[in-house]
Amino acid sequence: MHFKSIRTLVATLVGACIVVLVVALVGYATFANSRSMAFVDDQTRELLEQNIEQRLDAVASTQAERIQARLTQALDQARNLASLNELMGEDRGVSLSREELSNVVRDTVAENPDLLDAFIGWEPDAFGDDSEYTGREDAGYGPDGRFMPWWYRTESGDIEVLPLGETMESETRQDSDIREGEYYLCPRETQKSCVIDPAPYDYNGKTLMVTSFNVPVMVDGEFRGSAGVDLSVDFIQGLLREANGSLYDGAGEMALIAPRGGITASTGHAEAAGKQADAIFDETVVSQLQRAKAGDPVRDASGEMI
């Protein structure tokens, strides 16, 4: 190109520079805008995920506290029974007959409508001479006179007594993989309080998810027996359903899995209560259960909360 004068050349160069600069600015603005939108999208996604996690944590904490309060109350009732039984074996000037102590167990059921039953089981001859009480099954004694009253609520609402029976020390595994006598064997073997995983049981013709709370009766460091109560945990299904409905119109799903892997309650699989989680949920969910037990947030491979 031939320029007629320096002024024309300068004007042309300046114009070209301005055009190039404008193009560059427009290009940068477009690039920056796309970067900004991506940044905003990332920030929005991150904030949204944080908000979801915070809401989930808040709801989970609230429901956990409500559930824990009910379970702790039941465990305290078992502890109270065990403490009273321990006094019977210690020289502290406290003395109750078998009948009087059995009535305390009955009163525990009568005064706590949430409880299905309450019971105590003593080792052979640990509460007097069992042979003096043979043939008293109607009072909650075993055929050999062993002290094992189990007070339970009948369908009519009455409270009656039976002996715990042979299952008290049974090693037979149930469908839930829990021993029939776990409520007695666990406290005896560990000498610690035992909360048995929820499992389905028939109560007065109705299947309920039941958890057993059991505390050893220890006298001078020696195991003498066990005291416990049974509580239906079917209320947890209602709590989870309520909580799930309050989150994004129930778009998610909540489940409570017991330590042994049994499903206690599930909003998406209500019929699965009592079954093993690995028989209901996919491998991704099952593989995360160990982390969930530790209280960690659980995500799937894509980073989404599960």
Protein backbone atom coordinates (compact mmCIF):
# COMPACT_ATOMS: atom_id res chain seq x y z
CA MET A 1 0.00 0.00 0.00
CA HIS A 2 1.24 3.48 -0.99
CA PHE A 3 0.68 6.34 1.48
CA LYS A 4 0.55 9.92 0.17
CA SER A 5 1.88 11.52 3.29
CA ILE A 6 3.28 10.77 6.72
CA ARG A 7 0.02 12.09 8.21
CA THR A 8 -1.99 9.58 6.19
CA LEU A 9 0.42 6.81 7.21
CA VAL A 10 0.20 7.73 10.88
CA ALA A 11 -3.60 8.04 10.70
CA THR A 12 -3.86 4.68 9.00
CA LEU A 13 -1.55 2.98 11.53
CA VAL A 14 -3.38 4.55 14.45
CA GLY A 15 -6.70 3.47 12.99
CA ALA A 16 -5.41 -0.02 12.46
CA CYS A 17 -4.09 -0.14 16.01
CA ILE A 18 -7.44 1.07 17.31
CA VAL A 19 -9.25 -1.59 15.30
CA VAL A 20 -6.86 -4.27 16.52
CA LEU A 21 -7.23 -2.98 20.06
CA VAL A 22 -11.03 -3.00 19.81
CA VAL A 23 -10.98 -6.53 18.42
CA ALA A 24 -8.61 -7.56 21.17
CA LEU A 25 -10.79 -5.95 23.84
CA VAL A 26 -13.90 -7.57 22.43
CA GLY A 27 -12.11 -10.93 22.31
CA TYR A 28 -10.84 -10.50 25.84
CA ALA A 29 -14.27 -9.40 27.02
CA THR A 30 -15.85 -12.48 25.43
CA PHE A 31 -13.17 -14.73 26.93
CA ALA A 32 -13.38 -13.03 30.31
CA ASN A 33 -17.14 -13.21 30.26
CA SER A 34 -17.09 -16.93 29.54
CA ARG A 35 -14.50 -17.40 32.29
CA SER A 36 -16.60 -15.28 34.61
CA MET A 37 -19.73 -17.27 33.83
CA ALA A 38 -17.85 -20.51 34.41
CA PHE A 39 -16.49 -19.09 37.65
CA VAL A 40 -19.95 -17.98 38.71
CA ASP A 41 -21.35 -21.40 37.78
CA ASP A 42 -18.62 -23.09 39.82
CA GLN A 43 -19.17 -20.73 42.73
CA THR A 44 -22.93 -21.15 42.53
CA ARG A 45 -22.58 -24.94 42.39
CA GLU A 46 -20.19 -24.89 45.33
CA LEU A 47 -22.49 -22.64 47.37
CA LEU A 48 -25.47 -24.80 46.46
CA GLU A 49 -23.67 -27.96 47.52
CA GLN A 50 -22.62 -26.30 50.77
CA ASN A 51 -26.20 -25.23 51.38
CA ILE A 52 -27.49 -28.73 50.69
CA GLU A 53 -24.87 -30.27 52.98
CA GLN A 54 -25.68 -27.79 55.74
CA ARG A 55 -29.39 -28.53 55.46
CA LEU A 56 -28.76 -32.26 55.41
CA ASP A 57 -26.47 -32.00 58.43
CA ALA A 58 -29.04 -29.90 60.29
CA VAL A 59 -31.91 -32.27 59.52
CA ALA A 60 -29.80 -35.35 60.28
CA SER A 61 -28.62 -33.87 63.58
CA THR A 62 -32.15 -32.97 64.61
CA GLN A 63 -33.52 -36.42 63.83
CA ALA A 64 -30.50 -38.12 65.43
CA GLU A 65 -31.13 -36.18 68.65
CA ARG A 66 -34.80 -37.13 68.65
CA ILE A 67 -33.99 -40.79 68.06
CA GLN A 68 -31.17 -40.79 70.59
CA ALA A 69 -33.43 -39.29 73.26
CA ARG A 70 -35.92 -42.14 72.91
CA LEU A 71 -33.22 -44.81 72.87
CA THR A 72 -31.28 -43.30 75.77
CA GLN A 73 -34.43 -43.24 77.88
CA ALA A 74 -34.95 -46.96 77.28
CA LEU A 75 -31.31 -47.73 78.09
CA ASP A 76 -31.57 -45.72 81.32
CA GLN A 77 -34.59 -47.79 82.35
CA ALA A 78 -32.59 -50.98 81.82
CA ARG A 79 -29.72 -49.51 83.83
CA ASN A 80 -32.05 -48.63 86.69
CA LEU A 81 -33.31 -52.20 86.82
CA ALA A 82 -29.75 -53.56 86.76
CA SER A 83 -28.66 -51.19 89.54
CA LEU A 84 -31.53 -52.30 91.77
CA ASN A 85 -30.72 -55.95 91.11
CA GLU A 86 -27.07 -55.34 91.98
CA LEU A 87 -28.15 -53.99 95.37
CA MET A 88 -29.85 -57.32 96.06
CA GLY A 89 -26.51 -59.07 95.76
CA GLU A 90 -24.53 -56.60 97.86
CA ASP A 91 -24.49 -56.18 101.61
CA ARG A 92 -26.02 -52.71 101.73
CA GLY A 93 -29.01 -53.34 103.96
CA VAL A 94 -31.39 -53.48 100.95
CA SER A 95 -33.50 -56.60 100.69
CA LEU A 96 -36.38 -57.42 98.39
CA SER A 97 -38.07 -60.75 97.87
CA ARG A 98 -38.33 -62.29 94.42
CA GLU A 99 -41.95 -61.23 94.25
CA GLU A 100 -41.15 -57.64 95.21
CA LEU A 101 -38.30 -57.38 92.73
CA SER A 102 -40.45 -58.91 90.00
CA ASN A 103 -43.14 -56.31 90.70
CA VAL A 104 -40.57 -53.56 90.15
CA VAL A 105 -40.05 -54.97 86.65
CA ARG A 106 -43.80 -54.96 86.12
CA ASP A 107 -44.06 -51.35 87.27
CA THR A 108 -41.36 -50.39 84.77
CA VAL A 109 -43.61 -51.58 81.94
CA ALA A 110 -46.76 -50.08 83.46
CA GLU A 111 -45.19 -46.64 83.95
CA ASN A 112 -43.59 -46.47 80.51
CA PRO A 113 -46.18 -46.92 77.73
CA ASP A 114 -43.45 -46.86 75.04
CA LEU A 115 -41.96 -50.10 76.35
CA LEU A 116 -43.11 -53.43 75.01
CA ASP A 117 -41.74 -55.34 77.98
CA ALA A 118 -39.07 -55.51 80.69
CA PHE A 119 -37.23 -58.46 82.18
CA ILE A 120 -34.48 -59.69 84.46
CA GLY A 121 -32.65 -62.98 84.28
CA TRP A 122 -30.37 -64.28 87.00
CA GLU A 123 -27.69 -66.93 86.82
CA PRO A 124 -28.63 -70.28 88.41
CA ASP A 125 -28.92 -70.00 92.21
CA ALA A 126 -27.62 -66.43 92.08
CA PHE A 127 -30.78 -65.12 93.76
CA GLY A 128 -31.40 -67.64 96.49
CA ASP A 129 -31.87 -71.38 96.13
CA ASP A 130 -33.70 -71.98 92.83
CA SER A 131 -34.94 -75.41 93.98
CA GLU A 132 -37.29 -73.69 96.41
CA TYR A 133 -39.19 -72.11 93.51
CA THR A 134 -39.69 -75.00 91.09
CA GLY A 135 -43.06 -75.26 89.40
CA ARG A 136 -43.63 -71.49 89.56
CA GLU A 137 -43.54 -70.64 85.86
CA ASP A 138 -46.68 -68.56 86.42
CA ALA A 139 -44.56 -66.21 88.55
CA GLY A 140 -41.76 -65.89 85.98
CA TYR A 141 -39.48 -68.67 87.24
CA GLY A 142 -37.95 -71.34 85.07
CA PRO A 143 -38.91 -75.03 85.48
CA ASP A 144 -35.89 -75.39 87.79
CA GLY A 145 -36.88 -72.30 89.78
CA ARG A 146 -34.37 -69.97 88.13
CA PHE A 147 -35.38 -66.31 88.54
CA MET A 148 -36.20 -64.91 85.07
CA PRO A 149 -39.42 -62.84 85.05
CA TRP A 150 -40.44 -61.29 81.72
CA TRP A 151 -43.29 -58.80 82.04
CA TYR A 152 -44.94 -57.94 78.74
CA ARG A 153 -47.89 -55.95 77.45
CA THR A 154 -50.70 -58.05 76.00
CA GLU A 155 -52.96 -57.16 73.07
CA SER A 156 -55.65 -56.01 75.51
CA GLY A 157 -53.17 -53.75 77.28
CA ASP A 158 -52.82 -55.93 80.36
CA ILE A 159 -49.37 -56.68 81.73
CA GLU A 160 -48.58 -60.34 82.35
CA VAL A 161 -45.53 -62.39 83.26
CA LEU A 162 -43.80 -65.43 81.81
CA PRO A 163 -40.30 -66.86 82.34
CA LEU A 164 -37.75 -65.88 79.70
CA GLY A 165 -37.36 -69.57 78.97
CA GLU A 166 -34.82 -71.63 77.08
CA THR A 167 -34.05 -68.92 74.54
CA MET A 168 -32.25 -66.94 77.24
CA GLU A 169 -29.01 -68.79 76.53
CA SER A 170 -29.74 -69.96 72.99
CA GLU A 171 -26.94 -69.61 70.44
CA THR A 172 -29.34 -70.25 67.54
CA ARG A 173 -29.06 -67.59 64.82
CA GLN A 174 -32.23 -65.87 63.69
CA ASP A 175 -32.91 -64.50 60.19
CA SER A 176 -31.36 -61.22 61.35
CA ASP A 177 -28.15 -63.15 62.20
CA ILE A 178 -28.66 -62.27 65.86
CA ARG A 179 -28.60 -65.07 68.43
CA GLU A 180 -31.88 -65.84 70.14
CA GLY A 181 -30.26 -65.26 73.52
CA GLU A 182 -28.26 -62.19 72.52
CA TYR A 183 -30.07 -60.08 75.11
CA TYR A 184 -28.57 -62.27 77.85
CA LEU A 185 -25.44 -63.69 76.24
CA CYS A 186 -24.01 -60.32 75.17
CA PRO A 187 -24.05 -58.73 78.66
CA ARG A 188 -22.66 -61.95 80.15
CA GLU A 189 -19.84 -62.23 77.62
CA THR A 190 -18.86 -58.55 77.51
CA GLN A 191 -19.95 -57.51 81.03
CA LYS A 192 -21.10 -54.29 79.39
CA SER A 193 -24.40 -52.80 78.31
CA CYS A 194 -25.61 -54.21 75.00
CA VAL A 195 -28.06 -52.61 72.58
CA ILE A 196 -29.22 -55.26 70.16
CA ASP A 197 -29.73 -54.29 66.51
CA PRO A 198 -33.39 -53.78 65.56
CA ALA A 199 -35.04 -56.86 64.13
CA PRO A 200 -38.65 -57.78 63.23
CA TYR A 201 -40.61 -59.62 65.92
CA ASP A 202 -44.23 -60.65 66.24
CA TYR A 203 -46.02 -58.86 69.06
CA ASN A 204 -49.67 -59.78 69.51
CA GLY A 205 -49.97 -60.67 65.83
CA LYS A 206 -48.27 -57.50 64.60
CA THR A 207 -44.73 -57.38 63.20
CA LEU A 208 -42.68 -54.67 64.87
CA MET A 209 -39.06 -53.55 64.54
CA VAL A 210 -37.72 -54.07 68.05
CA THR A 211 -34.51 -53.09 69.79
CA SER A 212 -33.45 -54.67 73.08
CA PHE A 213 -31.51 -52.73 75.74
CA ASN A 214 -29.63 -54.94 78.17
CA VAL A 215 -27.38 -54.21 81.14
CA PRO A 216 -25.37 -56.76 83.15
CA VAL A 217 -26.00 -57.23 86.85
CA MET A 218 -22.51 -57.13 88.35
CA VAL A 219 -21.82 -57.95 92.02
CA ASP A 220 -18.25 -57.63 93.27
CA GLY A 221 -17.03 -57.72 89.68
CA GLU A 222 -18.89 -60.95 88.94
CA PHE A 223 -21.71 -61.37 86.44
CA ARG A 224 -24.91 -62.38 88.22
CA GLY A 225 -27.54 -61.70 85.60
CA SER A 226 -28.99 -59.23 83.12
CA ALA A 227 -31.79 -56.65 83.11
CA GLY A 228 -33.38 -55.26 80.00
CA VAL A 229 -36.27 -53.64 78.18
CA ASP A 230 -37.62 -53.92 74.63
CA LEU A 231 -38.66 -50.91 72.57
CA SER A 232 -40.39 -50.73 69.20
CA VAL A 233 -38.41 -48.46 66.87
CA ASP A 234 -41.12 -48.20 64.23
CA PHE A 235 -41.36 -44.51 65.15
CA ILE A 236 -38.08 -43.96 63.29
CA GLN A 237 -39.81 -44.65 59.96
CA GLY A 238 -42.18 -41.76 60.65
CA LEU A 239 -39.36 -39.43 61.68
CA LEU A 240 -37.40 -40.16 58.50
CA ARG A 241 -40.47 -39.72 56.32
CA GLU A 242 -41.18 -36.35 57.93
CA ALA A 243 -37.57 -35.22 57.60
CA ASN A 244 -37.26 -36.36 54.00
CA GLY A 245 -40.46 -34.56 53.04
CA SER A 246 -39.08 -31.31 54.42
CA LEU A 247 -36.07 -31.45 52.08
CA TYR A 248 -36.71 -30.40 48.48
CA ASP A 249 -40.22 -31.85 48.41
CA GLY A 250 -38.99 -35.32 49.31
CA ALA A 251 -36.78 -35.65 46.23
CA GLY A 252 -34.19 -37.65 48.16
CA GLU A 253 -34.27 -40.80 50.24
CA MET A 254 -33.31 -41.45 53.84
CA ALA A 255 -32.46 -44.71 55.56
CA LEU A 256 -31.17 -45.76 58.96
CA ILE A 257 -28.80 -48.72 58.85
CA ALA A 258 -27.93 -50.63 62.03
CA PRO A 259 -24.29 -51.52 62.83
CA ARG A 260 -24.67 -55.09 61.54
CA GLY A 261 -26.06 -53.80 58.23
CA GLY A 262 -29.75 -54.33 58.88
CA ILE A 263 -32.23 -51.72 57.66
CA THR A 264 -34.06 -50.12 60.57
CA ALA A 265 -36.11 -47.70 58.46
CA SER A 266 -36.08 -46.40 54.88
CA THR A 267 -38.24 -43.81 53.15
CA GLY A 268 -37.70 -45.42 49.77
CA HIS A 269 -38.00 -49.06 50.88
CA ALA A 270 -40.34 -49.13 53.88
CA GLU A 271 -41.02 -52.82 53.25
CA ALA A 272 -37.31 -53.61 53.61
CA ALA A 273 -37.15 -52.98 57.37
CA GLY A 274 -35.29 -55.85 58.98
CA LYS A 275 -33.51 -56.90 55.78
CA GLN A 276 -29.80 -56.50 55.11
CA ALA A 277 -28.77 -53.32 53.30
CA ASP A 278 -26.68 -55.21 50.74
CA ALA A 279 -29.82 -57.02 49.61
CA ILE A 280 -31.68 -53.78 48.92
CA PHE A 281 -29.19 -51.07 47.96
CA ASP A 282 -26.66 -51.13 45.14
CA GLU A 283 -22.95 -51.77 45.62
CA THR A 284 -22.08 -48.07 45.60
CA VAL A 285 -24.26 -47.38 48.61
CA VAL A 286 -23.19 -50.52 50.44
CA SER A 287 -19.50 -49.76 49.92
CA GLN A 288 -19.96 -46.40 51.63
CA LEU A 289 -21.61 -47.75 54.78
CA GLN A 290 -18.35 -48.04 56.68
CA ARG A 291 -17.63 -44.35 56.14
CA ALA A 292 -21.19 -43.45 57.04
CA LYS A 293 -20.82 -45.30 60.36
CA ALA A 294 -18.03 -42.88 61.25
CA GLY A 295 -20.35 -39.94 60.58
CA ASP A 296 -18.59 -38.78 57.42
CA PRO A 297 -20.61 -37.25 54.57
CA VAL A 298 -20.95 -39.90 51.87
CA ARG A 299 -20.70 -39.10 48.17
CA ASP A 300 -20.89 -41.21 45.07
CA ALA A 301 -18.25 -41.26 42.32
CA SER A 302 -19.66 -38.12 40.66
CA GLY A 303 -19.38 -36.13 43.87
CA GLU A 304 -23.11 -36.14 44.55
CA MET A 305 -24.35 -36.76 48.08
CA ILE A 306 -25.92 -40.20 48.56
